[in-house]
N, C-alpha and C. Protein backbone atom coordinates (compact mmCIF):
# COMPACT_ATOMS: atom_id res chain seq x y z
N MET A 1 0.84 -1.17 0.00
CA MET A 1 0.00 0.00 0.00
C MET A 1 0.89 1.24 0.00
N THR A 2 0.55 2.18 -0.85
CA THR A 2 1.34 3.40 -0.88
C THR A 2 0.94 4.32 0.27
N ASP A 3 1.79 5.28 0.50
CA ASP A 3 1.52 6.21 1.60
C ASP A 3 0.27 7.05 1.34
N THR A 4 0.01 7.38 0.09
CA THR A 4 -1.16 8.19 -0.24
C THR A 4 -2.46 7.44 0.06
N VAL A 5 -2.51 6.16 -0.32
CA VAL A 5 -3.72 5.37 -0.07
C VAL A 5 -3.92 5.18 1.43
N LEU A 6 -2.85 4.94 2.15
CA LEU A 6 -2.94 4.77 3.60
C LEU A 6 -3.42 6.05 4.26
N PHE A 7 -2.90 7.19 3.80
CA PHE A 7 -3.32 8.48 4.34
C PHE A 7 -4.80 8.73 4.03
N ASP A 8 -5.24 8.41 2.81
CA ASP A 8 -6.64 8.59 2.44
C ASP A 8 -7.56 7.71 3.29
N LEU A 9 -7.16 6.48 3.55
CA LEU A 9 -7.95 5.60 4.42
C LEU A 9 -8.02 6.13 5.84
N TYR A 10 -6.92 6.69 6.32
CA TYR A 10 -6.90 7.29 7.65
C TYR A 10 -7.87 8.46 7.73
N ILE A 11 -7.86 9.34 6.74
CA ILE A 11 -8.76 10.49 6.72
C ILE A 11 -10.21 10.04 6.63
N PHE A 12 -10.48 9.03 5.79
CA PHE A 12 -11.85 8.52 5.65
C PHE A 12 -12.34 7.93 6.98
N SER A 13 -11.50 7.15 7.64
CA SER A 13 -11.88 6.54 8.92
C SER A 13 -12.13 7.61 9.98
N PHE A 14 -11.26 8.59 10.02
CA PHE A 14 -11.42 9.67 10.99
C PHE A 14 -12.71 10.44 10.74
N ALA A 15 -13.02 10.73 9.46
CA ALA A 15 -14.24 11.46 9.13
C ALA A 15 -15.48 10.64 9.47
N ALA A 16 -15.44 9.33 9.24
CA ALA A 16 -16.59 8.47 9.55
C ALA A 16 -16.84 8.43 11.05
N ILE A 17 -15.80 8.28 11.85
CA ILE A 17 -15.95 8.23 13.31
C ILE A 17 -16.43 9.58 13.83
N LEU A 18 -15.84 10.66 13.34
CA LEU A 18 -16.24 12.00 13.78
C LEU A 18 -17.69 12.30 13.39
N GLY A 19 -18.08 11.92 12.17
CA GLY A 19 -19.46 12.13 11.73
C GLY A 19 -20.45 11.34 12.57
N TYR A 20 -20.13 10.10 12.88
CA TYR A 20 -21.02 9.28 13.70
C TYR A 20 -21.17 9.88 15.10
N GLN A 21 -20.07 10.29 15.69
CA GLN A 21 -20.13 10.88 17.02
C GLN A 21 -20.92 12.19 17.02
N THR A 22 -20.76 12.98 15.98
CA THR A 22 -21.48 14.25 15.90
C THR A 22 -22.98 14.02 15.76
N ILE A 23 -23.38 13.12 14.87
CA ILE A 23 -24.81 12.88 14.64
C ILE A 23 -25.46 12.22 15.85
N SER A 24 -24.75 11.34 16.53
CA SER A 24 -25.35 10.64 17.67
C SER A 24 -25.57 11.55 18.87
N GLN A 25 -24.91 12.68 18.91
CA GLN A 25 -25.05 13.61 20.03
C GLN A 25 -26.09 14.71 19.78
N VAL A 26 -26.75 14.70 18.64
CA VAL A 26 -27.73 15.73 18.31
C VAL A 26 -29.04 15.46 19.05
N PRO A 27 -29.57 16.45 19.76
CA PRO A 27 -30.86 16.24 20.43
C PRO A 27 -31.99 16.10 19.41
N GLN A 28 -33.09 15.45 19.82
CA GLN A 28 -34.19 15.19 18.89
C GLN A 28 -34.82 16.47 18.35
N LEU A 29 -34.75 17.54 19.11
CA LEU A 29 -35.34 18.80 18.68
C LEU A 29 -34.65 19.36 17.43
N LEU A 30 -33.39 19.02 17.24
CA LEU A 30 -32.63 19.58 16.12
C LEU A 30 -32.55 18.67 14.90
N HIS A 31 -33.24 17.54 14.91
CA HIS A 31 -33.13 16.62 13.79
C HIS A 31 -33.68 17.22 12.48
N THR A 32 -34.78 17.96 12.54
CA THR A 32 -35.35 18.54 11.32
C THR A 32 -34.43 19.58 10.69
N PRO A 33 -33.88 20.54 11.46
CA PRO A 33 -32.92 21.46 10.83
C PRO A 33 -31.67 20.75 10.32
N LEU A 34 -31.26 19.70 11.00
CA LEU A 34 -30.09 18.96 10.55
C LEU A 34 -30.38 18.25 9.23
N MET A 35 -31.58 17.69 9.09
CA MET A 35 -31.96 17.06 7.83
C MET A 35 -31.98 18.08 6.70
N SER A 36 -32.45 19.29 6.98
CA SER A 36 -32.47 20.33 5.95
C SER A 36 -31.05 20.70 5.52
N ALA A 37 -30.14 20.75 6.46
CA ALA A 37 -28.75 21.06 6.12
C ALA A 37 -28.12 19.94 5.29
N THR A 38 -28.40 18.69 5.64
CA THR A 38 -27.84 17.59 4.85
C THR A 38 -28.46 17.54 3.47
N ASN A 39 -29.72 17.96 3.33
CA ASN A 39 -30.32 18.05 2.00
C ASN A 39 -29.59 19.09 1.15
N ALA A 40 -29.21 20.19 1.76
CA ALA A 40 -28.48 21.22 1.02
C ALA A 40 -27.11 20.70 0.59
N ILE A 41 -26.44 19.98 1.47
CA ILE A 41 -25.13 19.40 1.12
C ILE A 41 -25.29 18.38 0.00
N SER A 42 -26.34 17.58 0.06
CA SER A 42 -26.59 16.61 -1.01
C SER A 42 -26.90 17.30 -2.32
N GLY A 43 -27.55 18.43 -2.28
CA GLY A 43 -27.79 19.21 -3.49
C GLY A 43 -26.50 19.70 -4.11
N VAL A 44 -25.55 20.11 -3.29
CA VAL A 44 -24.25 20.53 -3.80
C VAL A 44 -23.52 19.35 -4.43
N SER A 45 -23.58 18.19 -3.80
CA SER A 45 -22.93 17.01 -4.39
C SER A 45 -23.64 16.58 -5.67
N LEU A 46 -24.93 16.82 -5.77
CA LEU A 46 -25.65 16.52 -7.01
C LEU A 46 -25.15 17.41 -8.15
N ILE A 47 -24.93 18.67 -7.87
CA ILE A 47 -24.40 19.57 -8.89
C ILE A 47 -23.00 19.15 -9.30
N GLY A 48 -22.17 18.79 -8.33
CA GLY A 48 -20.83 18.32 -8.65
C GLY A 48 -20.83 17.05 -9.48
N SER A 49 -21.76 16.15 -9.20
CA SER A 49 -21.83 14.91 -9.97
C SER A 49 -22.34 15.17 -11.38
N LEU A 50 -23.22 16.16 -11.55
CA LEU A 50 -23.64 16.55 -12.90
C LEU A 50 -22.47 17.07 -13.71
N VAL A 51 -21.62 17.86 -13.08
CA VAL A 51 -20.43 18.37 -13.77
C VAL A 51 -19.49 17.23 -14.12
N ALA A 52 -19.31 16.28 -13.20
CA ALA A 52 -18.42 15.15 -13.46
C ALA A 52 -18.94 14.27 -14.58
N ALA A 53 -20.24 14.06 -14.63
CA ALA A 53 -20.81 13.21 -15.68
C ALA A 53 -20.78 13.90 -17.04
N GLY A 54 -20.94 15.19 -17.06
CA GLY A 54 -20.99 15.91 -18.32
C GLY A 54 -19.66 16.39 -18.85
N SER A 55 -18.58 16.11 -18.13
CA SER A 55 -17.27 16.63 -18.55
C SER A 55 -16.66 15.88 -19.72
N ASN A 56 -17.09 14.64 -19.96
CA ASN A 56 -16.59 13.82 -21.08
C ASN A 56 -15.07 13.66 -21.09
N TYR A 57 -14.48 13.45 -19.92
CA TYR A 57 -13.05 13.16 -19.89
C TYR A 57 -12.78 11.77 -20.46
N ASN A 58 -13.51 10.80 -19.96
CA ASN A 58 -13.44 9.43 -20.47
C ASN A 58 -14.70 8.70 -20.04
N HIS A 59 -14.82 7.44 -20.43
CA HIS A 59 -16.04 6.69 -20.12
C HIS A 59 -16.19 6.41 -18.63
N VAL A 60 -15.08 6.21 -17.94
CA VAL A 60 -15.14 5.91 -16.51
C VAL A 60 -15.70 7.10 -15.73
N SER A 61 -15.23 8.31 -16.06
CA SER A 61 -15.73 9.49 -15.34
C SER A 61 -17.21 9.72 -15.62
N THR A 62 -17.65 9.42 -16.85
CA THR A 62 -19.06 9.57 -17.18
C THR A 62 -19.92 8.56 -16.42
N ILE A 63 -19.47 7.32 -16.34
CA ILE A 63 -20.22 6.29 -15.62
C ILE A 63 -20.25 6.58 -14.13
N LEU A 64 -19.10 6.93 -13.56
CA LEU A 64 -19.07 7.26 -12.13
C LEU A 64 -19.89 8.51 -11.83
N GLY A 65 -19.88 9.48 -12.74
CA GLY A 65 -20.70 10.66 -12.56
C GLY A 65 -22.18 10.32 -12.57
N PHE A 66 -22.58 9.40 -13.46
CA PHE A 66 -23.98 8.98 -13.50
C PHE A 66 -24.38 8.25 -12.22
N VAL A 67 -23.50 7.39 -11.73
CA VAL A 67 -23.78 6.69 -10.47
C VAL A 67 -23.91 7.71 -9.32
N ALA A 68 -23.04 8.72 -9.33
CA ALA A 68 -23.11 9.76 -8.30
C ALA A 68 -24.40 10.55 -8.41
N ILE A 69 -24.86 10.81 -9.63
CA ILE A 69 -26.13 11.52 -9.83
C ILE A 69 -27.28 10.72 -9.23
N VAL A 70 -27.30 9.42 -9.52
CA VAL A 70 -28.38 8.57 -9.00
C VAL A 70 -28.37 8.55 -7.48
N CYS A 71 -27.19 8.34 -6.90
CA CYS A 71 -27.10 8.28 -5.43
C CYS A 71 -27.48 9.61 -4.77
N ALA A 72 -26.98 10.72 -5.32
CA ALA A 72 -27.29 12.03 -4.73
C ALA A 72 -28.76 12.37 -4.89
N THR A 73 -29.37 11.98 -6.01
CA THR A 73 -30.79 12.24 -6.20
C THR A 73 -31.64 11.46 -5.22
N ILE A 74 -31.30 10.20 -5.01
CA ILE A 74 -32.01 9.38 -4.02
C ILE A 74 -31.87 10.00 -2.64
N ASN A 75 -30.68 10.50 -2.32
CA ASN A 75 -30.43 11.10 -1.02
C ASN A 75 -31.24 12.38 -0.84
N VAL A 76 -31.28 13.22 -1.86
CA VAL A 76 -32.02 14.49 -1.75
C VAL A 76 -33.52 14.23 -1.63
N VAL A 77 -34.06 13.39 -2.50
CA VAL A 77 -35.50 13.11 -2.47
C VAL A 77 -35.90 12.44 -1.16
N GLY A 78 -35.13 11.47 -0.73
CA GLY A 78 -35.41 10.80 0.54
C GLY A 78 -35.33 11.75 1.72
N GLY A 79 -34.35 12.64 1.70
CA GLY A 79 -34.22 13.61 2.78
C GLY A 79 -35.41 14.56 2.86
N PHE A 80 -35.88 15.02 1.70
CA PHE A 80 -37.04 15.90 1.71
C PHE A 80 -38.30 15.16 2.14
N LEU A 81 -38.45 13.91 1.74
CA LEU A 81 -39.62 13.15 2.18
C LEU A 81 -39.62 12.94 3.69
N ILE A 82 -38.46 12.63 4.24
CA ILE A 82 -38.36 12.42 5.69
C ILE A 82 -38.60 13.73 6.43
N THR A 83 -38.03 14.83 5.93
CA THR A 83 -38.24 16.13 6.57
C THR A 83 -39.71 16.51 6.53
N ASP A 84 -40.37 16.28 5.40
CA ASP A 84 -41.79 16.59 5.31
C ASP A 84 -42.60 15.75 6.28
N ARG A 85 -42.25 14.49 6.42
CA ARG A 85 -42.97 13.61 7.35
C ARG A 85 -42.78 14.07 8.80
N ILE A 86 -41.57 14.48 9.13
CA ILE A 86 -41.31 14.96 10.49
C ILE A 86 -42.10 16.24 10.76
N LEU A 87 -42.12 17.15 9.78
CA LEU A 87 -42.85 18.40 9.98
C LEU A 87 -44.35 18.17 10.09
N LYS A 88 -44.88 17.18 9.39
CA LYS A 88 -46.31 16.87 9.50
C LYS A 88 -46.66 16.35 10.89
N MET A 89 -45.72 15.74 11.58
CA MET A 89 -45.97 15.24 12.93
C MET A 89 -46.21 16.39 13.90
N PHE A 90 -45.64 17.57 13.62
CA PHE A 90 -45.77 18.70 14.53
C PHE A 90 -46.95 19.60 14.20
N LYS A 91 -47.64 19.36 13.08
CA LYS A 91 -48.78 20.19 12.72
C LYS A 91 -49.97 19.83 13.59
N ASN A 92 -50.77 20.83 13.91
CA ASN A 92 -51.96 20.63 14.72
C ASN A 92 -53.11 20.30 13.78
N ASN A 93 -53.70 19.14 13.92
CA ASN A 93 -54.79 18.72 13.05
C ASN A 93 -56.16 19.21 13.48
N LYS A 94 -56.28 19.75 14.70
CA LYS A 94 -57.56 20.27 15.19
C LYS A 94 -57.87 21.59 14.54
N LYS A 95 -59.14 21.77 14.18
CA LYS A 95 -59.59 23.05 13.63
C LYS A 95 -60.39 23.75 14.73
N THR A 96 -59.97 24.92 15.09
CA THR A 96 -60.64 25.65 16.17
C THR A 96 -61.51 26.75 15.65
């Protein structure tokens, strides 16, 4: 294994552990704003994947860009559906 790959694995592991610890410490009251923020981040990654797929560097970048588009789209749509469902739980259904 080269030093670059080992360093990249170290950074990935550190980011995964840090992300898990950060998300697990969020109180339930803040889950809806947090979902909205992650939807925005997923939207940015969707734009980046569109650029990667449309750049026509080679076939691999186009295929990987398409896979990234599909994954980011699923993430954005799922995030909005979950956020909408959470917000509906807090609406008052009684008509006064």
